[in-house]
Amino acid sequence: SGDNLFPDDLFTHQQLRSGAVILHIIGILYMFYALALVCDEFFVPSLDIISEKA
């Protein structure tokens, strides 16, 4: 029942053991960088404006 919760991976287990897991790690790091960039550019300035009005 729990096997169908997530889609299949693009790589086989052998490919992941041979180094393809690095692509997953690079993707995760890229997403964290993008999240930090969005927070710095939009979220923090909006909090500054909200705190100035209060």
PDB file of N, CA and C in Angstrom:
ATOM      1  N   SER A   1       0.828  -1.196   0.000  1.00  0.00           N
ATOM      2  CA  SER A   1       0.000   0.000   0.000  1.00  0.00           C
ATOM      3  C   SER A   1       0.869   1.256   0.000  1.00  0.00           C
ATOM      4  N   GLY A   2       2.019   1.230   0.690  1.00  0.00           N
ATOM      5  CA  GLY A   2       2.876   2.394   0.765  1.00  0.00           C
ATOM      6  C   GLY A   2       3.833   2.513  -0.401  1.00  0.00           C
ATOM      7  N   ASP A   3       3.859   1.529  -1.283  1.00  0.00           N
ATOM      8  CA  ASP A   3       4.803   1.555  -2.399  1.00  0.00           C
ATOM      9  C   ASP A   3       4.437   2.597  -3.449  1.00  0.00           C
ATOM     10  N   ASN A   4       3.179   2.952  -3.556  1.00  0.00           N
ATOM     11  CA  ASN A   4       2.737   3.854  -4.615  1.00  0.00           C
ATOM     12  C   ASN A   4       2.619   5.302  -4.154  1.00  0.00           C
ATOM     13  N   LEU A   5       3.179   5.646  -3.008  1.00  0.00           N
ATOM     14  CA  LEU A   5       3.071   7.017  -2.523  1.00  0.00           C
ATOM     15  C   LEU A   5       3.962   7.972  -3.305  1.00  0.00           C
ATOM     16  N   PHE A   6       5.077   7.488  -3.813  1.00  0.00           N
ATOM     17  CA  PHE A   6       6.030   8.328  -4.519  1.00  0.00           C
ATOM     18  C   PHE A   6       6.290   7.755  -5.904  1.00  0.00           C
ATOM     19  N   PRO A   7       6.604   8.626  -6.877  1.00  0.00           N
ATOM     20  CA  PRO A   7       6.921   8.108  -8.219  1.00  0.00           C
ATOM     21  C   PRO A   7       8.254   7.368  -8.218  1.00  0.00           C
ATOM     22  N   ASP A   8       8.458   6.557  -9.231  1.00  0.00           N
ATOM     23  CA  ASP A   8       9.720   5.833  -9.369  1.00  0.00           C
ATOM     24  C   ASP A   8      10.859   6.814  -9.612  1.00  0.00           C
ATOM     25  N   ASP A   9      12.041   6.438  -9.165  1.00  0.00           N
ATOM     26  CA  ASP A   9      13.225   7.265  -9.367  1.00  0.00           C
ATOM     27  C   ASP A   9      13.663   7.178 -10.824  1.00  0.00           C
ATOM     28  N   LEU A  10      14.388   8.189 -11.273  1.00  0.00           N
ATOM     29  CA  LEU A  10      14.892   8.184 -12.646  1.00  0.00           C
ATOM     30  C   LEU A  10      16.043   7.212 -12.829  1.00  0.00           C
ATOM     31  N   PHE A  11      16.728   6.881 -11.727  1.00  0.00           N
ATOM     32  CA  PHE A  11      17.914   6.038 -11.787  1.00  0.00           C
ATOM     33  C   PHE A  11      17.652   4.697 -11.115  1.00  0.00           C
ATOM     34  N   THR A  12      18.357   3.672 -11.580  1.00  0.00           N
ATOM     35  CA  THR A  12      18.288   2.365 -10.933  1.00  0.00           C
ATOM     36  C   THR A  12      19.157   2.392  -9.680  1.00  0.00           C
ATOM     37  N   HIS A  13      19.024   1.360  -8.841  1.00  0.00           N
ATOM     38  CA  HIS A  13      19.843   1.289  -7.628  1.00  0.00           C
ATOM     39  C   HIS A  13      21.326   1.194  -7.972  1.00  0.00           C
ATOM     40  N   GLN A  14      21.641   0.497  -9.048  1.00  0.00           N
ATOM     41  CA  GLN A  14      23.045   0.389  -9.463  1.00  0.00           C
ATOM     42  C   GLN A  14      23.593   1.749  -9.892  1.00  0.00           C
ATOM     43  N   GLN A  15      22.812   2.511 -10.635  1.00  0.00           N
ATOM     44  CA  GLN A  15      23.254   3.843 -11.046  1.00  0.00           C
ATOM     45  C   GLN A  15      23.435   4.758  -9.836  1.00  0.00           C
ATOM     46  N   LEU A  16      22.535   4.656  -8.865  1.00  0.00           N
ATOM     47  CA  LEU A  16      22.664   5.470  -7.661  1.00  0.00           C
ATOM     48  C   LEU A  16      23.931   5.112  -6.896  1.00  0.00           C
ATOM     49  N   ARG A  17      24.240   3.809  -6.807  1.00  0.00           N
ATOM     50  CA  ARG A  17      25.459   3.375  -6.118  1.00  0.00           C
ATOM     51  C   ARG A  17      26.708   3.792  -6.881  1.00  0.00           C
ATOM     52  N   SER A  18      26.581   3.956  -8.198  1.00  0.00           N
ATOM     53  CA  SER A  18      27.737   4.327  -9.021  1.00  0.00           C
ATOM     54  C   SER A  18      27.982   5.831  -9.057  1.00  0.00           C
ATOM     55  N   GLY A  19      27.141   6.608  -8.403  1.00  0.00           N
ATOM     56  CA  GLY A  19      27.387   8.041  -8.338  1.00  0.00           C
ATOM     57  C   GLY A  19      26.249   8.932  -8.778  1.00  0.00           C
ATOM     58  N   ALA A  20      25.169   8.369  -9.254  1.00  0.00           N
ATOM     59  CA  ALA A  20      24.055   9.199  -9.708  1.00  0.00           C
ATOM     60  C   ALA A  20      23.371   9.916  -8.546  1.00  0.00           C
ATOM     61  N   VAL A  21      23.605   9.461  -7.328  1.00  0.00           N
ATOM     62  CA  VAL A  21      23.013  10.125  -6.163  1.00  0.00           C
ATOM     63  C   VAL A  21      23.550  11.548  -6.030  1.00  0.00           C
ATOM     64  N   ILE A  22      24.710  11.819  -6.618  1.00  0.00           N
ATOM     65  CA  ILE A  22      25.277  13.172  -6.602  1.00  0.00           C
ATOM     66  C   ILE A  22      24.327  14.156  -7.285  1.00  0.00           C
ATOM     67  N   LEU A  23      23.641  13.715  -8.331  1.00  0.00           N
ATOM     68  CA  LEU A  23      22.690  14.598  -9.007  1.00  0.00           C
ATOM     69  C   LEU A  23      21.533  14.962  -8.088  1.00  0.00           C
ATOM     70  N   HIS A  24      21.097  14.028  -7.259  1.00  0.00           N
ATOM     71  CA  HIS A  24      20.052  14.324  -6.281  1.00  0.00           C
ATOM     72  C   HIS A  24      20.553  15.347  -5.265  1.00  0.00           C
ATOM     73  N   ILE A  25      21.774  15.179  -4.812  1.00  0.00           N
ATOM     74  CA  ILE A  25      22.347  16.094  -3.819  1.00  0.00           C
ATOM     75  C   ILE A  25      22.501  17.493  -4.412  1.00  0.00           C
ATOM     76  N   ILE A  26      22.952  17.582  -5.655  1.00  0.00           N
ATOM     77  CA  ILE A  26      23.079  18.880  -6.319  1.00  0.00           C
ATOM     78  C   ILE A  26      21.707  19.546  -6.447  1.00  0.00           C
ATOM     79  N   GLY A  27      20.698  18.776  -6.788  1.00  0.00           N
ATOM     80  CA  GLY A  27      19.341  19.320  -6.893  1.00  0.00           C
ATOM     81  C   GLY A  27      18.820  19.835  -5.568  1.00  0.00           C
ATOM     82  N   ILE A  28      19.088  19.105  -4.496  1.00  0.00           N
ATOM     83  CA  ILE A  28      18.652  19.536  -3.168  1.00  0.00           C
ATOM     84  C   ILE A  28      19.361  20.826  -2.768  1.00  0.00           C
ATOM     85  N   LEU A  29      20.669  20.892  -2.996  1.00  0.00           N
ATOM     86  CA  LEU A  29      21.420  22.107  -2.666  1.00  0.00           C
ATOM     87  C   LEU A  29      20.924  23.299  -3.485  1.00  0.00           C
ATOM     88  N   TYR A  30      20.599  23.071  -4.744  1.00  0.00           N
ATOM     89  CA  TYR A  30      20.065  24.137  -5.592  1.00  0.00           C
ATOM     90  C   TYR A  30      18.729  24.642  -5.054  1.00  0.00           C
ATOM     91  N   MET A  31      17.870  23.742  -4.611  1.00  0.00           N
ATOM     92  CA  MET A  31      16.574  24.145  -4.062  1.00  0.00           C
ATOM     93  C   MET A  31      16.737  24.945  -2.769  1.00  0.00           C
ATOM     94  N   PHE A  32      17.671  24.532  -1.903  1.00  0.00           N
ATOM     95  CA  PHE A  32      17.928  25.302  -0.682  1.00  0.00           C
ATOM     96  C   PHE A  32      18.464  26.692  -1.012  1.00  0.00           C
ATOM     97  N   TYR A  33      19.337  26.792  -2.004  1.00  0.00           N
ATOM     98  CA  TYR A  33      19.854  28.093  -2.423  1.00  0.00           C
ATOM     99  C   TYR A  33      18.719  28.967  -2.959  1.00  0.00           C
ATOM    100  N   ALA A  34      17.843  28.396  -3.763  1.00  0.00           N
ATOM    101  CA  ALA A  34      16.722  29.154  -4.313  1.00  0.00           C
ATOM    102  C   ALA A  34      15.791  29.628  -3.202  1.00  0.00           C
ATOM    103  N   LEU A  35      15.540  28.783  -2.215  1.00  0.00           N
ATOM    104  CA  LEU A  35      14.699  29.173  -1.086  1.00  0.00           C
ATOM    105  C   LEU A  35      15.334  30.314  -0.301  1.00  0.00           C
ATOM    106  N   ALA A  36      16.636  30.242  -0.057  1.00  0.00           N
ATOM    107  CA  ALA A  36      17.336  31.313   0.658  1.00  0.00           C
ATOM    108  C   ALA A  36      17.284  32.613  -0.138  1.00  0.00           C
ATOM    109  N   LEU A  37      17.437  32.526  -1.439  1.00  0.00           N
ATOM    110  CA  LEU A  37      17.390  33.714  -2.286  1.00  0.00           C
ATOM    111  C   LEU A  37      16.014  34.369  -2.245  1.00  0.00           C
ATOM    112  N   VAL A  38      14.968  33.574  -2.342  1.00  0.00           N
ATOM    113  CA  VAL A  38      13.607  34.111  -2.296  1.00  0.00           C
ATOM    114  C   VAL A  38      13.332  34.747  -0.941  1.00  0.00           C
ATOM    115  N   CYS A  39      13.767  34.110   0.131  1.00  0.00           N
ATOM    116  CA  CYS A  39      13.554  34.674   1.467  1.00  0.00           C
ATOM    117  C   CYS A  39      14.288  35.998   1.620  1.00  0.00           C
ATOM    118  N   ASP A  40      15.529  36.075   1.150  1.00  0.00           N
ATOM    119  CA  ASP A  40      16.299  37.314   1.270  1.00  0.00           C
ATOM    120  C   ASP A  40      15.712  38.439   0.424  1.00  0.00           C
ATOM    121  N   GLU A  41      15.226  38.106  -0.750  1.00  0.00           N
ATOM    122  CA  GLU A  41      14.740  39.139  -1.663  1.00  0.00           C
ATOM    123  C   GLU A  41      13.316  39.608  -1.366  1.00  0.00           C
ATOM    124  N   PHE A  42      12.460  38.729  -0.845  1.00  0.00           N
ATOM    125  CA  PHE A  42      11.052  39.074  -0.706  1.00  0.00           C
ATOM    126  C   PHE A  42      10.531  38.985   0.724  1.00  0.00           C
ATOM    127  N   PHE A  43      10.857  37.932   1.436  1.00  0.00           N
ATOM    128  CA  PHE A  43      10.257  37.707   2.753  1.00  0.00           C
ATOM    129  C   PHE A  43      10.821  38.665   3.797  1.00  0.00           C
ATOM    130  N   VAL A  44      12.135  38.809   3.857  1.00  0.00           N
ATOM    131  CA  VAL A  44      12.756  39.682   4.862  1.00  0.00           C
ATOM    132  C   VAL A  44      12.356  41.141   4.648  1.00  0.00           C
ATOM    133  N   PRO A  45      12.376  41.681   3.421  1.00  0.00           N
ATOM    134  CA  PRO A  45      11.912  43.068   3.256  1.00  0.00           C
ATOM    135  C   PRO A  45      10.446  43.267   3.647  1.00  0.00           C
ATOM    136  N   SER A  46       9.606  42.281   3.372  1.00  0.00           N
ATOM    137  CA  SER A  46       8.203  42.429   3.769  1.00  0.00           C
ATOM    138  C   SER A  46       8.063  42.408   5.286  1.00  0.00           C
ATOM    139  N   LEU A  47       8.871  41.624   5.979  1.00  0.00           N
ATOM    140  CA  LEU A  47       8.851  41.652   7.445  1.00  0.00           C
ATOM    141  C   LEU A  47       9.337  42.995   7.973  1.00  0.00           C
ATOM    142  N   ASP A  48      10.323  43.593   7.317  1.00  0.00           N
ATOM    143  CA  ASP A  48      10.794  44.919   7.724  1.00  0.00           C
ATOM    144  C   ASP A  48       9.687  45.960   7.594  1.00  0.00           C
ATOM    145  N   ILE A  49       8.941  45.915   6.509  1.00  0.00           N
ATOM    146  CA  ILE A  49       7.847  46.865   6.306  1.00  0.00           C
ATOM    147  C   ILE A  49       6.755  46.648   7.339  1.00  0.00           C
ATOM    148  N   ILE A  50       6.414  45.409   7.615  1.00  0.00           N
ATOM    149  CA  ILE A  50       5.384  45.110   8.610  1.00  0.00           C
ATOM    150  C   ILE A  50       5.819  45.583   9.987  1.00  0.00           C
ATOM    151  N   SER A  51       7.080  45.380  10.332  1.00  0.00           N
ATOM    152  CA  SER A  51       7.547  45.775  11.668  1.00  0.00           C
ATOM    153  C   SER A  51       7.646  47.294  11.803  1.00  0.00           C
ATOM    154  N   GLU A  52       7.878  48.021  10.702  1.00  0.00           N
ATOM    155  CA  GLU A  52       7.906  49.481  10.767  1.00  0.00           C
ATOM    156  C   GLU A  52       6.521  50.053  10.999  1.00  0.00           C
ATOM    157  N   LYS A  53       5.492  49.407  10.464  1.00  0.00           N
ATOM    158  CA  LYS A  53       4.123  49.895  10.630  1.00  0.00           C
ATOM    159  C   LYS A  53       3.588  49.619  12.026  1.00  0.00           C
ATOM    160  N   ALA A  54       4.098  48.610  12.692  1.00  0.00           N
ATOM    161  CA  ALA A  54       3.566  48.222  14.006  1.00  0.00           C
ATOM    162  C   ALA A  54       4.057  49.123  15.115  1.00  0.00           C
TER     163      ALA A  54
END
